[in-house]
Amino acid sequence: MTSQPDREDQPTPYTFDDVSVVMGTYNEEAAIATVLRDIEDVTDGAAEVCVVDGSTDRTPEIAREHGATVIEQEPQGYGVAVSEALRSANRPVVVTTDCDDTYPMERLPEFLAAINDGYDVVSGDRLYHGADAMPAVNRYGNIAFAVLASVLMGKRVHDTTTGMRAYRREVIETISWTENTGLSAELLIRPLMRGYEVRELPIQYRDRKGTTTLDPLTGGIEIAKSIVKVALEERRNGSGTDSSIPRPA
């Protein structure tokens, strides 16, 4: 594991008053209340929460009941919703997560601590502990995505499609995001290839609440295409050097 980034311009450490947690939702009434309660408990209610929703069930109503800002839009895909959520964030640290209760919100303090240590992006690595709760086809697909991205970038990454990450807001605002189904991979590949300081933080992945709407085959093809497209675009633009990103041994 490499040393922490040297940031002489690091401001006063961020607190959860400086954090926006954002997510795209589609028919997640089985899990959304749990996720929002967990965020509220961990951050003592200090974090801003923004939900971009295209649901036909009670998801937006439940989110509002728990204090989240809800932006409703017609369903247009994962990336469209999350991109809108990212743009809606008003605070200097932006955390993405999914709304199906698969991600450990209790780890938010560690993500924020890594940002305060100087990292620009902190990416949750679901595969480090095996991700036994993940369907096998998804697990092996995510391993393959990481290998593909690593080869194309010349940088070793371990989980390119995780939904749980923390970003300095300037990273979100500086880069133009183009992908839909493959946005989660793009959100790691472009910052990493442009020289931002990125750390992968191992996390436990939990059983999903509710039913997924993403077909693993068609979704997987779209993600792979996005990885190739984004990595090659960055290479053509002169981004990328051989390296790896910090990850505990």
Protein backbone atom coordinates (compact mmCIF):
# COMPACT_ATOMS: atom_id res chain seq x y z
CA MET A 1 0.00 0.00 0.00
CA THR A 2 1.38 3.40 -0.97
CA SER A 3 1.70 6.39 1.31
CA GLN A 4 -1.09 8.89 1.71
CA PRO A 5 -1.32 11.74 -0.82
CA ASP A 6 0.58 14.89 0.06
CA ARG A 7 -1.95 17.72 0.05
CA GLU A 8 -0.51 20.96 1.40
CA ASP A 9 -3.76 22.68 0.40
CA GLN A 10 -5.91 20.27 2.45
CA PRO A 11 -8.54 22.41 4.18
CA THR A 12 -9.97 21.92 7.65
CA PRO A 13 -11.10 18.27 7.82
CA TYR A 14 -14.52 17.63 6.38
CA THR A 15 -17.34 16.48 8.62
CA PHE A 16 -20.68 14.95 7.68
CA ASP A 17 -22.03 18.51 7.43
CA ASP A 18 -19.92 18.64 4.25
CA VAL A 19 -21.28 15.40 2.75
CA SER A 20 -24.00 14.76 0.19
CA VAL A 21 -25.14 11.14 -0.22
CA VAL A 22 -26.78 10.59 -3.61
CA MET A 23 -28.50 7.67 -5.31
CA GLY A 24 -30.76 6.78 -8.20
CA THR A 25 -33.83 4.73 -7.31
CA TYR A 26 -36.35 2.62 -9.18
CA ASN A 27 -39.02 0.71 -7.24
CA GLU A 28 -36.96 0.23 -4.09
CA GLU A 29 -39.69 0.56 -1.45
CA ALA A 30 -38.49 -2.66 0.22
CA ALA A 31 -35.10 -1.17 1.10
CA ILE A 32 -35.09 2.61 0.84
CA ALA A 33 -36.22 3.26 4.41
CA THR A 34 -33.48 1.03 5.83
CA VAL A 35 -30.79 2.72 3.74
CA LEU A 36 -31.91 6.21 4.70
CA ARG A 37 -32.18 5.31 8.40
CA ASP A 38 -28.65 3.90 8.28
CA ILE A 39 -27.33 7.10 6.70
CA GLU A 40 -29.12 9.21 9.29
CA ASP A 41 -27.82 7.09 12.17
CA VAL A 42 -24.20 7.05 10.98
CA THR A 43 -24.05 10.76 10.13
CA ASP A 44 -26.26 11.87 13.04
CA GLY A 45 -28.59 13.42 10.47
CA ALA A 46 -25.90 15.81 9.23
CA ALA A 47 -25.43 14.51 5.67
CA GLU A 48 -27.55 15.82 2.82
CA VAL A 49 -29.36 13.01 0.98
CA CYS A 50 -30.56 13.35 -2.60
CA VAL A 51 -32.60 10.70 -4.43
CA VAL A 52 -33.32 10.79 -8.16
CA ASP A 53 -36.32 8.55 -8.66
CA GLY A 54 -38.24 7.00 -11.52
CA SER A 55 -40.37 4.62 -9.46
CA THR A 56 -43.98 3.52 -9.81
CA ASP A 57 -44.14 2.36 -6.17
CA ARG A 58 -43.85 4.26 -2.86
CA THR A 59 -40.09 4.81 -3.04
CA PRO A 60 -40.21 8.63 -3.46
CA GLU A 61 -42.84 9.02 -0.75
CA ILE A 62 -40.79 6.95 1.71
CA ALA A 63 -37.63 8.89 0.83
CA ARG A 64 -39.33 12.21 1.54
CA GLU A 65 -40.66 10.88 4.84
CA HIS A 66 -37.02 10.26 5.83
CA GLY A 67 -35.90 13.76 4.92
CA ALA A 68 -34.32 13.12 1.53
CA THR A 69 -34.55 15.59 -1.33
CA VAL A 70 -36.31 13.74 -4.14
CA ILE A 71 -36.03 14.60 -7.83
CA GLU A 72 -38.50 12.65 -9.93
CA GLN A 73 -37.79 11.82 -13.56
CA GLU A 74 -38.97 9.36 -16.18
CA PRO A 75 -36.97 6.10 -16.01
CA GLN A 76 -34.02 6.48 -18.39
CA GLY A 77 -31.45 4.14 -16.90
CA TYR A 78 -28.95 3.96 -14.05
CA GLY A 79 -26.48 6.48 -15.40
CA VAL A 80 -29.04 9.15 -16.22
CA ALA A 81 -30.45 8.99 -12.69
CA VAL A 82 -27.08 8.94 -10.92
CA SER A 83 -25.67 11.72 -13.12
CA GLU A 84 -28.62 13.91 -12.14
CA ALA A 85 -28.09 12.99 -8.49
CA LEU A 86 -24.41 13.93 -8.72
CA ARG A 87 -25.27 17.30 -10.26
CA SER A 88 -27.80 17.96 -7.51
CA ALA A 89 -25.25 17.56 -4.69
CA ASN A 90 -24.52 20.83 -2.89
CA ARG A 91 -21.66 19.85 -0.59
CA PRO A 92 -17.90 19.42 -1.10
CA VAL A 93 -17.85 15.64 -0.56
CA VAL A 94 -20.23 13.50 -2.63
CA VAL A 95 -20.96 9.87 -1.76
CA THR A 96 -22.76 7.54 -4.15
CA THR A 97 -24.58 4.44 -3.00
CA ASP A 98 -27.33 2.09 -4.16
CA CYS A 99 -30.70 2.00 -2.46
CA ASP A 100 -31.07 -1.79 -2.14
CA ASP A 101 -29.30 -2.16 1.24
CA THR A 102 -26.34 -4.03 -0.22
CA TYR A 103 -23.78 -1.40 0.86
CA PRO A 104 -22.56 -0.82 4.45
CA MET A 105 -23.47 2.73 5.39
CA GLU A 106 -21.69 2.18 8.71
CA ARG A 107 -18.42 2.50 6.74
CA LEU A 108 -19.14 6.11 5.75
CA PRO A 109 -16.80 7.48 8.46
CA GLU A 110 -13.89 5.55 6.90
CA PHE A 111 -14.71 6.87 3.43
CA LEU A 112 -14.78 10.41 4.77
CA ALA A 113 -11.53 9.84 6.68
CA ALA A 114 -9.82 8.74 3.45
CA ILE A 115 -11.01 11.91 1.71
CA ASN A 116 -9.58 13.89 4.62
CA ASP A 117 -6.32 11.97 4.18
CA GLY A 118 -6.05 13.55 0.72
CA TYR A 119 -7.67 11.06 -1.66
CA ASP A 120 -9.89 12.44 -4.40
CA VAL A 121 -11.92 9.25 -4.88
CA VAL A 122 -12.53 6.45 -2.38
CA SER A 123 -14.01 3.36 -4.02
CA GLY A 124 -15.67 0.50 -2.14
CA ASP A 125 -14.19 -2.86 -3.18
CA ARG A 126 -16.93 -5.49 -2.82
CA LEU A 127 -14.79 -8.33 -4.16
CA TYR A 128 -12.00 -8.16 -1.56
CA HIS A 129 -13.99 -10.24 0.95
CA GLY A 130 -15.44 -12.55 -1.71
CA ALA A 131 -18.88 -10.94 -2.19
CA ASP A 132 -20.64 -14.21 -1.37
CA ALA A 133 -24.00 -12.43 -1.24
CA MET A 134 -23.63 -11.46 -4.90
CA PRO A 135 -25.07 -13.85 -7.53
CA ALA A 136 -22.26 -15.89 -9.05
CA VAL A 137 -22.79 -14.58 -12.57
CA ASN A 138 -22.54 -11.00 -11.28
CA ARG A 139 -19.49 -11.77 -9.15
CA TYR A 140 -17.52 -13.37 -11.99
CA GLY A 141 -18.67 -10.64 -14.34
CA ASN A 142 -17.37 -7.96 -11.99
CA ILE A 143 -14.03 -9.75 -11.71
CA ALA A 144 -13.85 -9.81 -15.52
CA PHE A 145 -14.71 -6.10 -15.72
CA ALA A 146 -11.87 -5.30 -13.31
CA VAL A 147 -9.39 -7.34 -15.35
CA LEU A 148 -10.53 -5.68 -18.58
CA ALA A 149 -10.25 -2.19 -17.12
CA SER A 150 -6.85 -2.94 -15.57
CA VAL A 151 -5.44 -4.13 -18.90
CA LEU A 152 -6.79 -1.15 -20.82
CA MET A 153 -5.66 1.42 -18.24
CA GLY A 154 -2.31 -0.10 -17.29
CA LYS A 155 -3.41 0.34 -13.66
CA ARG A 156 -4.53 -2.46 -11.34
CA VAL A 157 -8.07 -2.07 -10.08
CA HIS A 158 -10.18 -4.63 -8.24
CA ASP A 159 -13.82 -3.51 -8.49
CA THR A 160 -14.80 -1.16 -11.32
CA THR A 161 -18.57 -1.29 -10.93
CA THR A 162 -19.16 -0.72 -7.22
CA GLY A 163 -21.93 1.71 -6.38
CA MET A 164 -20.38 2.98 -3.14
CA ARG A 165 -17.79 5.72 -3.59
CA ALA A 166 -16.84 9.08 -2.12
CA TYR A 167 -15.58 11.95 -4.30
CA ARG A 168 -14.27 15.41 -3.85
CA ARG A 169 -16.89 17.53 -5.58
CA GLU A 170 -14.33 19.07 -7.94
CA VAL A 171 -13.77 15.62 -9.48
CA ILE A 172 -17.47 15.35 -10.26
CA GLU A 173 -17.62 18.88 -11.67
CA THR A 174 -14.40 18.75 -13.71
CA ILE A 175 -15.11 15.60 -15.73
CA SER A 176 -17.84 15.20 -18.35
CA TRP A 177 -19.70 11.94 -17.73
CA THR A 178 -21.11 10.20 -20.81
CA GLU A 179 -22.20 6.67 -19.88
CA ASN A 180 -25.53 5.21 -18.74
CA THR A 181 -25.45 1.54 -17.73
CA GLY A 182 -21.66 1.76 -17.52
CA LEU A 183 -21.50 4.96 -15.47
CA SER A 184 -20.23 3.20 -12.34
CA ALA A 185 -17.13 2.06 -14.25
CA GLU A 186 -16.66 5.45 -15.88
CA LEU A 187 -16.79 7.12 -12.45
CA LEU A 188 -13.62 5.21 -11.53
CA ILE A 189 -11.78 4.99 -14.85
CA ARG A 190 -11.74 8.65 -15.85
CA PRO A 191 -10.50 10.05 -12.51
CA LEU A 192 -7.88 7.33 -12.18
CA MET A 193 -6.52 7.81 -15.70
CA ARG A 194 -6.42 11.58 -15.23
CA GLY A 195 -4.14 11.32 -12.25
CA TYR A 196 -6.54 11.86 -9.37
CA GLU A 197 -5.63 10.15 -6.11
CA VAL A 198 -7.83 7.04 -5.81
CA ARG A 199 -8.06 4.48 -3.02
CA GLU A 200 -9.99 1.22 -2.99
CA LEU A 201 -11.47 0.43 0.43
CA PRO A 202 -12.65 -3.18 1.02
CA ILE A 203 -16.29 -3.43 2.05
CA GLN A 204 -18.74 -6.22 2.82
CA TYR A 205 -21.51 -6.70 0.24
CA ARG A 206 -24.90 -7.74 1.61
CA ASP A 207 -27.96 -9.56 0.28
CA ARG A 208 -30.16 -7.36 -1.85
CA LYS A 209 -33.60 -6.29 -0.66
CA GLY A 210 -36.16 -6.20 -3.45
CA THR A 211 -35.83 -7.28 -7.07
CA THR A 212 -33.15 -6.11 -9.48
CA THR A 213 -34.23 -4.65 -12.81
CA LEU A 214 -30.87 -5.07 -14.57
CA ASP A 215 -30.52 -8.08 -16.85
CA PRO A 216 -27.02 -9.50 -16.18
CA LEU A 217 -26.33 -10.36 -19.82
CA THR A 218 -27.46 -7.20 -21.58
CA GLY A 219 -26.27 -5.05 -18.69
CA GLY A 220 -22.91 -6.80 -18.66
CA ILE A 221 -22.39 -6.22 -22.37
CA GLU A 222 -23.19 -2.53 -21.97
CA ILE A 223 -20.78 -2.20 -19.03
CA ALA A 224 -17.97 -3.94 -20.94
CA LYS A 225 -18.54 -1.65 -23.92
CA SER A 226 -18.39 1.39 -21.65
CA ILE A 227 -15.13 0.23 -20.06
CA VAL A 228 -13.50 -0.17 -23.47
CA LYS A 229 -14.88 3.11 -24.82
CA VAL A 230 -13.96 5.21 -21.78
CA ALA A 231 -10.47 3.72 -21.30
CA LEU A 232 -9.58 4.13 -24.97
CA GLU A 233 -10.88 7.72 -24.98
CA GLU A 234 -8.68 8.52 -22.01
CA ARG A 235 -5.65 6.85 -23.59
CA ARG A 236 -6.18 8.82 -26.81
CA ASN A 237 -6.29 11.98 -24.73
CA GLY A 238 -2.95 11.12 -23.17
CA SER A 239 -4.22 9.93 -19.79
CA GLY A 240 -2.86 6.97 -17.84
CA THR A 241 0.44 5.64 -16.54
CA ASP A 242 1.39 2.24 -15.22
CA SER A 243 0.57 2.03 -11.52
CA SER A 244 -1.79 0.52 -9.02
CA ILE A 245 -4.08 2.12 -6.50
CA PRO A 246 -3.84 1.72 -2.74
CA ARG A 247 -5.71 -1.24 -1.28
CA PRO A 248 -5.03 -2.98 2.03
CA ALA A 249 -3.05 -6.20 1.75
